Amino acid sequence: MYKADYVVVDAKNYKKPVTKTQVLQIANYLKPHGTGLFAVIATRAGADRGAQLTLKEQWAVHQKLILILKDDELQEMLLASSSGGEAHGVLGQAIQDFRLSM
């Protein structure tokens, strides 16, 4: 569905939210015949308004799904995985939230 053989993850240890520039940087790595069209930006501070708009544009125009995951979501995934749960539920929720925001 999201045309990805691999998941590209870019960790940003910024104090401020990621911007449009960081979203476009990771979008450049997403190719249908390369890694695929799915990526995650792991960040402490989330995304600014420009980044959020760029995420939507990348999805609507190029079918590139890029999620922004903050520390609490990554911790939730680790806790679920370490307790025998399913960490992919966090990703599923993030995808659902993003798609419904369109």
PDB file of N, CA and C in Angstrom:
ATOM      1  N   MET A   1       0.810  -1.189   0.000  1.00  0.00           N
ATOM      2  CA  MET A   1       0.000   0.000   0.000  1.00  0.00           C
ATOM      3  C   MET A   1       0.864   1.268   0.000  1.00  0.00           C
ATOM      4  N   TYR A   2       1.978   1.233   0.731  1.00  0.00           N
ATOM      5  CA  TYR A   2       2.835   2.426   0.792  1.00  0.00           C
ATOM      6  C   TYR A   2       4.121   2.244  -0.019  1.00  0.00           C
ATOM      7  N   LYS A   3       4.168   1.213  -0.822  1.00  0.00           N
ATOM      8  CA  LYS A   3       5.262   0.996  -1.769  1.00  0.00           C
ATOM      9  C   LYS A   3       6.632   1.137  -1.117  1.00  0.00           C
ATOM     10  N   ALA A   4       6.877   0.322  -0.107  1.00  0.00           N
ATOM     11  CA  ALA A   4       8.164   0.413   0.586  1.00  0.00           C
ATOM     12  C   ALA A   4       8.700  -0.976   0.896  1.00  0.00           C
ATOM     13  N   ASP A   5       9.878  -1.259   0.390  1.00  0.00           N
ATOM     14  CA  ASP A   5      10.574  -2.483   0.769  1.00  0.00           C
ATOM     15  C   ASP A   5      11.394  -2.252   2.033  1.00  0.00           C
ATOM     16  N   TYR A   6      11.714  -1.010   2.286  1.00  0.00           N
ATOM     17  CA  TYR A   6      12.492  -0.624   3.459  1.00  0.00           C
ATOM     18  C   TYR A   6      11.848   0.607   4.097  1.00  0.00           C
ATOM     19  N   VAL A   7      12.179   0.850   5.347  1.00  0.00           N
ATOM     20  CA  VAL A   7      11.735   2.073   6.015  1.00  0.00           C
ATOM     21  C   VAL A   7      12.970   2.939   6.231  1.00  0.00           C
ATOM     22  N   VAL A   8      12.954   4.116   5.670  1.00  0.00           N
ATOM     23  CA  VAL A   8      14.041   5.071   5.863  1.00  0.00           C
ATOM     24  C   VAL A   8      13.742   5.836   7.149  1.00  0.00           C
ATOM     25  N   VAL A   9      14.707   5.858   8.068  1.00  0.00           N
ATOM     26  CA  VAL A   9      14.536   6.575   9.331  1.00  0.00           C
ATOM     27  C   VAL A   9      15.648   7.605   9.450  1.00  0.00           C
ATOM     28  N   ASP A  10      15.257   8.830   9.741  1.00  0.00           N
ATOM     29  CA  ASP A  10      16.214   9.924   9.927  1.00  0.00           C
ATOM     30  C   ASP A  10      16.010  10.477  11.332  1.00  0.00           C
ATOM     31  N   ALA A  11      17.022  10.351  12.171  1.00  0.00           N
ATOM     32  CA  ALA A  11      16.940  10.847  13.547  1.00  0.00           C
ATOM     33  C   ALA A  11      17.447  12.284  13.601  1.00  0.00           C
ATOM     34  N   LYS A  12      16.621  13.157  14.137  1.00  0.00           N
ATOM     35  CA  LYS A  12      16.969  14.576  14.265  1.00  0.00           C
ATOM     36  C   LYS A  12      16.966  14.926  15.749  1.00  0.00           C
ATOM     37  N   ASN A  13      18.117  15.233  16.275  1.00  0.00           N
ATOM     38  CA  ASN A  13      18.258  15.568  17.691  1.00  0.00           C
ATOM     39  C   ASN A  13      18.269  17.088  17.853  1.00  0.00           C
ATOM     40  N   TYR A  14      17.211  17.714  17.360  1.00  0.00           N
ATOM     41  CA  TYR A  14      17.109  19.173  17.398  1.00  0.00           C
ATOM     42  C   TYR A  14      16.315  19.622  18.621  1.00  0.00           C
ATOM     43  N   LYS A  15      16.621  20.815  19.110  1.00  0.00           N
ATOM     44  CA  LYS A  15      15.834  21.416  20.189  1.00  0.00           C
ATOM     45  C   LYS A  15      14.542  22.010  19.644  1.00  0.00           C
ATOM     46  N   LYS A  16      14.577  22.428  18.376  1.00  0.00           N
ATOM     47  CA  LYS A  16      13.419  23.045  17.730  1.00  0.00           C
ATOM     48  C   LYS A  16      12.741  22.032  16.814  1.00  0.00           C
ATOM     49  N   PRO A  17      11.486  22.277  16.463  1.00  0.00           N
ATOM     50  CA  PRO A  17      10.788  21.376  15.534  1.00  0.00           C
ATOM     51  C   PRO A  17      11.486  21.299  14.184  1.00  0.00           C
ATOM     52  N   VAL A  18      11.341  20.142  13.520  1.00  0.00           N
ATOM     53  CA  VAL A  18      11.902  20.009  12.176  1.00  0.00           C
ATOM     54  C   VAL A  18      11.127  20.927  11.229  1.00  0.00           C
ATOM     55  N   THR A  19      11.781  21.296  10.146  1.00  0.00           N
ATOM     56  CA  THR A  19      11.217  22.240   9.190  1.00  0.00           C
ATOM     57  C   THR A  19      11.003  21.564   7.833  1.00  0.00           C
ATOM     58  N   LYS A  20      10.476  22.329   6.921  1.00  0.00           N
ATOM     59  CA  LYS A  20      10.253  21.876   5.547  1.00  0.00           C
ATOM     60  C   LYS A  20      11.541  21.321   4.944  1.00  0.00           C
ATOM     61  N   THR A  21      12.654  21.951   5.235  1.00  0.00           N
ATOM     62  CA  THR A  21      13.949  21.529   4.680  1.00  0.00           C
ATOM     63  C   THR A  21      14.263  20.085   5.038  1.00  0.00           C
ATOM     64  N   GLN A  22      14.061  19.705   6.308  1.00  0.00           N
ATOM     65  CA  GLN A  22      14.362  18.341   6.732  1.00  0.00           C
ATOM     66  C   GLN A  22      13.411  17.331   6.075  1.00  0.00           C
ATOM     67  N   VAL A  23      12.156  17.718   5.880  1.00  0.00           N
ATOM     68  CA  VAL A  23      11.203  16.831   5.211  1.00  0.00           C
ATOM     69  C   VAL A  23      11.624  16.619   3.757  1.00  0.00           C
ATOM     70  N   LEU A  24      12.009  17.685   3.080  1.00  0.00           N
ATOM     71  CA  LEU A  24      12.433  17.565   1.686  1.00  0.00           C
ATOM     72  C   LEU A  24      13.722  16.764   1.560  1.00  0.00           C
ATOM     73  N   GLN A  25      14.617  16.866   2.545  1.00  0.00           N
ATOM     74  CA  GLN A  25      15.857  16.081   2.507  1.00  0.00           C
ATOM     75  C   GLN A  25      15.555  14.590   2.503  1.00  0.00           C
ATOM     76  N   ILE A  26      14.678  14.150   3.399  1.00  0.00           N
ATOM     77  CA  ILE A  26      14.375  12.718   3.445  1.00  0.00           C
ATOM     78  C   ILE A  26      13.540  12.292   2.243  1.00  0.00           C
ATOM     79  N   ALA A  27      12.703  13.180   1.741  1.00  0.00           N
ATOM     80  CA  ALA A  27      11.886  12.864   0.562  1.00  0.00           C
ATOM     81  C   ALA A  27      12.769  12.543  -0.636  1.00  0.00           C
ATOM     82  N   ASN A  28      13.937  13.174  -0.712  1.00  0.00           N
ATOM     83  CA  ASN A  28      14.860  12.916  -1.826  1.00  0.00           C
ATOM     84  C   ASN A  28      15.356  11.475  -1.849  1.00  0.00           C
ATOM     85  N   TYR A  29      15.360  10.796  -0.720  1.00  0.00           N
ATOM     86  CA  TYR A  29      15.823   9.411  -0.644  1.00  0.00           C
ATOM     87  C   TYR A  29      14.737   8.412  -1.058  1.00  0.00           C
ATOM     88  N   LEU A  30      13.508   8.848  -1.107  1.00  0.00           N
ATOM     89  CA  LEU A  30      12.391   7.938  -1.368  1.00  0.00           C
ATOM     90  C   LEU A  30      12.145   7.796  -2.861  1.00  0.00           C
ATOM     91  N   LYS A  31      12.367   6.586  -3.357  1.00  0.00           N
ATOM     92  CA  LYS A  31      12.196   6.281  -4.780  1.00  0.00           C
ATOM     93  C   LYS A  31      11.449   4.948  -4.912  1.00  0.00           C
ATOM     94  N   PRO A  32      10.543   4.836  -5.873  1.00  0.00           N
ATOM     95  CA  PRO A  32       9.790   3.588  -6.015  1.00  0.00           C
ATOM     96  C   PRO A  32      10.678   2.374  -6.299  1.00  0.00           C
ATOM     97  N   HIS A  33      11.778   2.568  -7.009  1.00  0.00           N
ATOM     98  CA  HIS A  33      12.659   1.454  -7.353  1.00  0.00           C
ATOM     99  C   HIS A  33      13.906   1.430  -6.481  1.00  0.00           C
ATOM    100  N   GLY A  34      13.890   2.171  -5.401  1.00  0.00           N
ATOM    101  CA  GLY A  34      14.999   2.174  -4.439  1.00  0.00           C
ATOM    102  C   GLY A  34      14.489   1.646  -3.115  1.00  0.00           C
ATOM    103  N   THR A  35      14.542   2.489  -2.115  1.00  0.00           N
ATOM    104  CA  THR A  35      14.106   2.077  -0.779  1.00  0.00           C
ATOM    105  C   THR A  35      12.595   1.977  -0.673  1.00  0.00           C
ATOM    106  N   GLY A  36      11.887   2.690  -1.513  1.00  0.00           N
ATOM    107  CA  GLY A  36      10.434   2.740  -1.445  1.00  0.00           C
ATOM    108  C   GLY A  36       9.980   4.143  -1.110  1.00  0.00           C
ATOM    109  N   LEU A  37       8.720   4.275  -0.702  1.00  0.00           N
ATOM    110  CA  LEU A  37       8.128   5.595  -0.520  1.00  0.00           C
ATOM    111  C   LEU A  37       7.640   5.823   0.910  1.00  0.00           C
ATOM    112  N   PHE A  38       8.324   5.244   1.887  1.00  0.00           N
ATOM    113  CA  PHE A  38       7.911   5.381   3.281  1.00  0.00           C
ATOM    114  C   PHE A  38       9.114   5.748   4.142  1.00  0.00           C
ATOM    115  N   ALA A  39       8.953   6.777   4.983  1.00  0.00           N
ATOM    116  CA  ALA A  39      10.053   7.207   5.853  1.00  0.00           C
ATOM    117  C   ALA A  39       9.508   7.717   7.181  1.00  0.00           C
ATOM    118  N   VAL A  40      10.386   7.727   8.166  1.00  0.00           N
ATOM    119  CA  VAL A  40      10.076   8.247   9.493  1.00  0.00           C
ATOM    120  C   VAL A  40      11.167   9.245   9.873  1.00  0.00           C
ATOM    121  N   ILE A  41      10.746  10.382  10.374  1.00  0.00           N
ATOM    122  CA  ILE A  41      11.678  11.322  10.986  1.00  0.00           C
ATOM    123  C   ILE A  41      11.459  11.227  12.488  1.00  0.00           C
ATOM    124  N   ALA A  42      12.482  10.797  13.200  1.00  0.00           N
ATOM    125  CA  ALA A  42      12.423  10.713  14.659  1.00  0.00           C
ATOM    126  C   ALA A  42      12.980  12.011  15.219  1.00  0.00           C
ATOM    127  N   THR A  43      12.184  12.680  16.031  1.00  0.00           N
ATOM    128  CA  THR A  43      12.580  13.993  16.518  1.00  0.00           C
ATOM    129  C   THR A  43      12.070  14.230  17.929  1.00  0.00           C
ATOM    130  N   ARG A  44      12.731  15.085  18.636  1.00  0.00           N
ATOM    131  CA  ARG A  44      12.321  15.410  19.999  1.00  0.00           C
ATOM    132  C   ARG A  44      11.202  16.437  20.036  1.00  0.00           C
ATOM    133  N   ALA A  45      11.183  17.336  19.058  1.00  0.00           N
ATOM    134  CA  ALA A  45      10.308  18.507  19.156  1.00  0.00           C
ATOM    135  C   ALA A  45       9.176  18.547  18.124  1.00  0.00           C
ATOM    136  N   GLY A  46       8.977  17.493  17.364  1.00  0.00           N
ATOM    137  CA  GLY A  46       7.889  17.505  16.390  1.00  0.00           C
ATOM    138  C   GLY A  46       8.222  18.301  15.144  1.00  0.00           C
ATOM    139  N   ALA A  47       7.171  18.772  14.469  1.00  0.00           N
ATOM    140  CA  ALA A  47       7.333  19.469  13.193  1.00  0.00           C
ATOM    141  C   ALA A  47       6.661  20.829  13.241  1.00  0.00           C
ATOM    142  N   ASP A  48       7.279  21.796  12.556  1.00  0.00           N
ATOM    143  CA  ASP A  48       6.635  23.113  12.475  1.00  0.00           C
ATOM    144  C   ASP A  48       5.572  23.089  11.380  1.00  0.00           C
ATOM    145  N   ARG A  49       4.865  24.192  11.219  1.00  0.00           N
ATOM    146  CA  ARG A  49       3.746  24.276  10.268  1.00  0.00           C
ATOM    147  C   ARG A  49       4.203  24.016   8.833  1.00  0.00           C
ATOM    148  N   GLY A  50       5.351  24.559   8.465  1.00  0.00           N
ATOM    149  CA  GLY A  50       5.871  24.342   7.114  1.00  0.00           C
ATOM    150  C   GLY A  50       6.177  22.880   6.846  1.00  0.00           C
ATOM    151  N   ALA A  51       6.735  22.199   7.831  1.00  0.00           N
ATOM    152  CA  ALA A  51       7.026  20.768   7.694  1.00  0.00           C
ATOM    153  C   ALA A  51       5.730  19.974   7.570  1.00  0.00           C
ATOM    154  N   GLN A  52       4.732  20.322   8.357  1.00  0.00           N
ATOM    155  CA  GLN A  52       3.453  19.609   8.298  1.00  0.00           C
ATOM    156  C   GLN A  52       2.798  19.751   6.930  1.00  0.00           C
ATOM    157  N   LEU A  53       2.846  20.945   6.372  1.00  0.00           N
ATOM    158  CA  LEU A  53       2.287  21.157   5.033  1.00  0.00           C
ATOM    159  C   LEU A  53       3.071  20.385   3.975  1.00  0.00           C
ATOM    160  N   THR A  54       4.387  20.336   4.135  1.00  0.00           N
ATOM    161  CA  THR A  54       5.238  19.618   3.187  1.00  0.00           C
ATOM    162  C   THR A  54       4.991  18.121   3.258  1.00  0.00           C
ATOM    163  N   LEU A  55       4.750  17.588   4.463  1.00  0.00           N
ATOM    164  CA  LEU A  55       4.400  16.169   4.597  1.00  0.00           C
ATOM    165  C   LEU A  55       3.151  15.849   3.792  1.00  0.00           C
ATOM    166  N   LYS A  56       2.142  16.705   3.901  1.00  0.00           N
ATOM    167  CA  LYS A  56       0.888  16.497   3.175  1.00  0.00           C
ATOM    168  C   LYS A  56       1.093  16.609   1.670  1.00  0.00           C
ATOM    169  N   GLU A  57       1.901  17.570   1.258  1.00  0.00           N
ATOM    170  CA  GLU A  57       2.191  17.742  -0.165  1.00  0.00           C
ATOM    171  C   GLU A  57       2.921  16.522  -0.725  1.00  0.00           C
ATOM    172  N   GLN A  58       3.893  16.014   0.008  1.00  0.00           N
ATOM    173  CA  GLN A  58       4.645  14.840  -0.443  1.00  0.00           C
ATOM    174  C   GLN A  58       3.723  13.634  -0.603  1.00  0.00           C
ATOM    175  N   TRP A  59       2.762  13.499   0.302  1.00  0.00           N
ATOM    176  CA  TRP A  59       1.822  12.388   0.206  1.00  0.00           C
ATOM    177  C   TRP A  59       0.855  12.590  -0.961  1.00  0.00           C
ATOM    178  N   ALA A  60       0.242  13.758  -1.047  1.00  0.00           N
ATOM    179  CA  ALA A  60      -0.789  14.012  -2.050  1.00  0.00           C
ATOM    180  C   ALA A  60      -0.236  14.018  -3.471  1.00  0.00           C
ATOM    181  N   VAL A  61       0.941  14.586  -3.662  1.00  0.00           N
ATOM    182  CA  VAL A  61       1.481  14.758  -5.009  1.00  0.00           C
ATOM    183  C   VAL A  61       2.389  13.603  -5.427  1.00  0.00           C
ATOM    184  N   HIS A  62       3.231  13.115  -4.493  1.00  0.00           N
ATOM    185  CA  HIS A  62       4.258  12.124  -4.844  1.00  0.00           C
ATOM    186  C   HIS A  62       4.027  10.746  -4.232  1.00  0.00           C
ATOM    187  N   GLN A  63       2.965  10.579  -3.450  1.00  0.00           N
ATOM    188  CA  GLN A  63       2.661   9.333  -2.748  1.00  0.00           C
ATOM    189  C   GLN A  63       3.788   8.884  -1.815  1.00  0.00           C
ATOM    190  N   LYS A  64       4.536   9.843  -1.286  1.00  0.00           N
ATOM    191  CA  LYS A  64       5.600   9.565  -0.321  1.00  0.00           C
ATOM    192  C   LYS A  64       5.051   9.797   1.074  1.00  0.00           C
ATOM    193  N   LEU A  65       4.983   8.725   1.866  1.00  0.00           N
ATOM    194  CA  LEU A  65       4.466   8.832   3.221  1.00  0.00           C
ATOM    195  C   LEU A  65       5.636   9.014   4.180  1.00  0.00           C
ATOM    196  N   ILE A  66       5.695  10.182   4.793  1.00  0.00           N
ATOM    197  CA  ILE A  66       6.748  10.518   5.757  1.00  0.00           C
ATOM    198  C   ILE A  66       6.059  10.842   7.072  1.00  0.00           C
ATOM    199  N   LEU A  67       6.390  10.089   8.102  1.00  0.00           N
ATOM    200  CA  LEU A  67       5.816  10.311   9.427  1.00  0.00           C
ATOM    201  C   LEU A  67       6.817  11.005  10.323  1.00  0.00           C
ATOM    202  N   ILE A  68       6.310  11.832  11.204  1.00  0.00           N
ATOM    203  CA  ILE A  68       7.119  12.453  12.248  1.00  0.00           C
ATOM    204  C   ILE A  68       6.768  11.735  13.553  1.00  0.00           C
ATOM    205  N   LEU A  69       7.752  11.104  14.176  1.00  0.00           N
ATOM    206  CA  LEU A  69       7.541  10.443  15.464  1.00  0.00           C
ATOM    207  C   LEU A  69       8.387  11.131  16.523  1.00  0.00           C
ATOM    208  N   LYS A  70       7.748  11.479  17.611  1.00  0.00           N
ATOM    209  CA  LYS A  70       8.455  12.129  18.718  1.00  0.00           C
ATOM    210  C   LYS A  70       8.885  11.076  19.727  1.00  0.00           C
ATOM    211  N   ASP A  71       9.669  11.513  20.714  1.00  0.00           N
ATOM    212  CA  ASP A  71      10.231  10.610  21.712  1.00  0.00           C
ATOM    213  C   ASP A  71       9.195   9.724  22.381  1.00  0.00           C
ATOM    214  N   ASP A  72       8.058  10.304  22.751  1.00  0.00           N
ATOM    215  CA  ASP A  72       7.066   9.512  23.477  1.00  0.00           C
ATOM    216  C   ASP A  72       6.523   8.366  22.626  1.00  0.00           C
ATOM    217  N   GLU A  73       6.372   8.583  21.333  1.00  0.00           N
ATOM    218  CA  GLU A  73       5.901   7.518  20.452  1.00  0.00           C
ATOM    219  C   GLU A  73       6.956   6.428  20.282  1.00  0.00           C
ATOM    220  N   LEU A  74       8.210   6.836  20.178  1.00  0.00           N
ATOM    221  CA  LEU A  74       9.292   5.853  20.067  1.00  0.00           C
ATOM    222  C   LEU A  74       9.420   5.046  21.356  1.00  0.00           C
ATOM    223  N   GLN A  75       9.276   5.705  22.494  1.00  0.00           N
ATOM    224  CA  GLN A  75       9.311   4.999  23.775  1.00  0.00           C
ATOM    225  C   GLN A  75       8.156   4.015  23.881  1.00  0.00           C
ATOM    226  N   GLU A  76       6.988   4.423  23.425  1.00  0.00           N
ATOM    227  CA  GLU A  76       5.823   3.540  23.440  1.00  0.00           C
ATOM    228  C   GLU A  76       6.076   2.295  22.590  1.00  0.00           C
ATOM    229  N   MET A  77       6.720   2.473  21.444  1.00  0.00           N
ATOM    230  CA  MET A  77       7.053   1.336  20.591  1.00  0.00           C
ATOM    231  C   MET A  77       8.033   0.396  21.281  1.00  0.00           C
ATOM    232  N   LEU A  78       9.050   0.956  21.924  1.00  0.00           N
ATOM    233  CA  LEU A  78      10.036   0.136  22.623  1.00  0.00           C
ATOM    234  C   LEU A  78       9.417  -0.624  23.782  1.00  0.00           C
ATOM    235  N   LEU A  79       8.562   0.048  24.541  1.00  0.00           N
ATOM    236  CA  LEU A  79       7.897  -0.611  25.665  1.00  0.00           C
ATOM    237  C   LEU A  79       6.988  -1.739  25.176  1.00  0.00           C
ATOM    238  N   ALA A  80       6.253  -1.496  24.128  1.00  0.00           N
ATOM    239  CA  ALA A  80       5.379  -2.530  23.575  1.00  0.00           C
ATOM    240  C   ALA A  80       6.193  -3.727  23.111  1.00  0.00           C
ATOM    241  N   SER A  81       7.273  -3.469  22.421  1.00  0.00           N
ATOM    242  CA  SER A  81       8.114  -4.541  21.908  1.00  0.00           C
ATOM    243  C   SER A  81       8.768  -5.336  23.041  1.00  0.00           C
ATOM    244  N   SER A  82       9.260  -4.637  24.058  1.00  0.00           N
ATOM    245  CA  SER A  82       9.957  -5.327  25.158  1.00  0.00           C
ATOM    246  C   SER A  82       9.008  -6.139  26.029  1.00  0.00           C
ATOM    247  N   SER A  83       7.733  -5.804  26.018  1.00  0.00           N
ATOM    248  CA  SER A  83       6.766  -6.550  26.826  1.00  0.00           C
ATOM    249  C   SER A  83       6.019  -7.592  26.000  1.00  0.00           C
ATOM    250  N   GLY A  84       6.510  -7.851  24.787  1.00  0.00           N
ATOM    251  CA  GLY A  84       5.902  -8.860  23.934  1.00  0.00           C
ATOM    252  C   GLY A  84       4.711  -8.348  23.141  1.00  0.00           C
ATOM    253  N   GLY A  85       4.486  -7.045  23.191  1.00  0.00           N
ATOM    254  CA  GLY A  85       3.373  -6.446  22.448  1.00  0.00           C
ATOM    255  C   GLY A  85       3.754  -6.159  21.012  1.00  0.00           C
ATOM    256  N   GLU A  86       2.911  -5.394  20.369  1.00  0.00           N
ATOM    257  CA  GLU A  86       3.099  -5.097  18.959  1.00  0.00           C
ATOM    258  C   GLU A  86       3.421  -3.620  18.766  1.00  0.00           C
ATOM    259  N   ALA A  87       4.681  -3.339  18.505  1.00  0.00           N
ATOM    260  CA  ALA A  87       5.130  -1.961  18.332  1.00  0.00           C
ATOM    261  C   ALA A  87       4.537  -1.314  17.092  1.00  0.00           C
ATOM    262  N   HIS A  88       4.161  -2.107  16.115  1.00  0.00           N
ATOM    263  CA  HIS A  88       3.630  -1.529  14.871  1.00  0.00           C
ATOM    264  C   HIS A  88       2.281  -0.842  15.084  1.00  0.00           C
ATOM    265  N   GLY A  89       1.645  -1.071  16.206  1.00  0.00           N
ATOM    266  CA  GLY A  89       0.385  -0.377  16.493  1.00  0.00           C
ATOM    267  C   GLY A  89       0.571   1.126  16.583  1.00  0.00           C
ATOM    268  N   VAL A  90       1.724   1.549  17.090  1.00  0.00           N
ATOM    269  CA  VAL A  90       2.027   2.983  17.178  1.00  0.00           C
ATOM    270  C   VAL A  90       2.158   3.568  15.778  1.00  0.00           C
ATOM    271  N   LEU A  91       2.833   2.835  14.895  1.00  0.00           N
ATOM    272  CA  LEU A  91       2.953   3.306  13.511  1.00  0.00           C
ATOM    273  C   LEU A  91       1.583   3.355  12.835  1.00  0.00           C
ATOM    274  N   GLY A  92       0.787   2.345  13.075  1.00  0.00           N
ATOM    275  CA  GLY A  92      -0.552   2.315  12.498  1.00  0.00           C
ATOM    276  C   GLY A  92      -1.383   3.508  12.934  1.00  0.00           C
ATOM    277  N   GLN A  93      -1.275   3.865  14.213  1.00  0.00           N
ATOM    278  CA  GLN A  93      -2.010   5.013  14.728  1.00  0.00           C
ATOM    279  C   GLN A  93      -1.485   6.319  14.119  1.00  0.00           C
ATOM    280  N   ALA A  94      -0.158   6.422  13.986  1.00  0.00           N
ATOM    281  CA  ALA A  94       0.438   7.621  13.388  1.00  0.00           C
ATOM    282  C   ALA A  94       0.003   7.774  11.927  1.00  0.00           C
ATOM    283  N   ILE A  95      -0.064   6.650  11.207  1.00  0.00           N
ATOM    284  CA  ILE A  95      -0.520   6.693   9.811  1.00  0.00           C
ATOM    285  C   ILE A  95      -1.984   7.114   9.757  1.00  0.00           C
ATOM    286  N   GLN A  96      -2.788   6.529  10.622  1.00  0.00           N
ATOM    287  CA  GLN A  96      -4.211   6.878  10.639  1.00  0.00           C
ATOM    288  C   GLN A  96      -4.412   8.357  10.957  1.00  0.00           C
ATOM    289  N   ASP A  97      -3.707   8.861  11.953  1.00  0.00           N
ATOM    290  CA  ASP A  97      -3.828  10.277  12.316  1.00  0.00           C
ATOM    291  C   ASP A  97      -3.429  11.176  11.146  1.00  0.00           C
ATOM    292  N   PHE A  98      -2.333  10.808  10.482  1.00  0.00           N
ATOM    293  CA  PHE A  98      -1.873  11.614   9.354  1.00  0.00           C
ATOM    294  C   PHE A  98      -2.888  11.593   8.213  1.00  0.00           C
ATOM    295  N   ARG A  99      -3.353  10.403   7.839  1.00  0.00           N
ATOM    296  CA  ARG A  99      -4.283  10.293   6.724  1.00  0.00           C
ATOM    297  C   ARG A  99      -5.594  11.024   7.000  1.00  0.00           C
ATOM    298  N   LEU A 100      -6.055  10.975   8.240  1.00  0.00           N
ATOM    299  CA  LEU A 100      -7.294  11.670   8.585  1.00  0.00           C
ATOM    300  C   LEU A 100      -7.118  13.188   8.645  1.00  0.00           C
ATOM    301  N   SER A 101      -5.877  13.642   8.768  1.00  0.00           N
ATOM    302  CA  SER A 101      -5.617  15.090   8.800  1.00  0.00           C
ATOM    303  C   SER A 101      -5.615  15.714   7.413  1.00  0.00           C
ATOM    304  N   MET A 102      -5.644  14.882   6.393  1.00  0.00           N
ATOM    305  CA  MET A 102      -5.592  15.384   5.006  1.00  0.00           C
ATOM    306  C   MET A 102      -6.867  16.116   4.632  1.00  0.00           C
TER     307      MET A 102
END
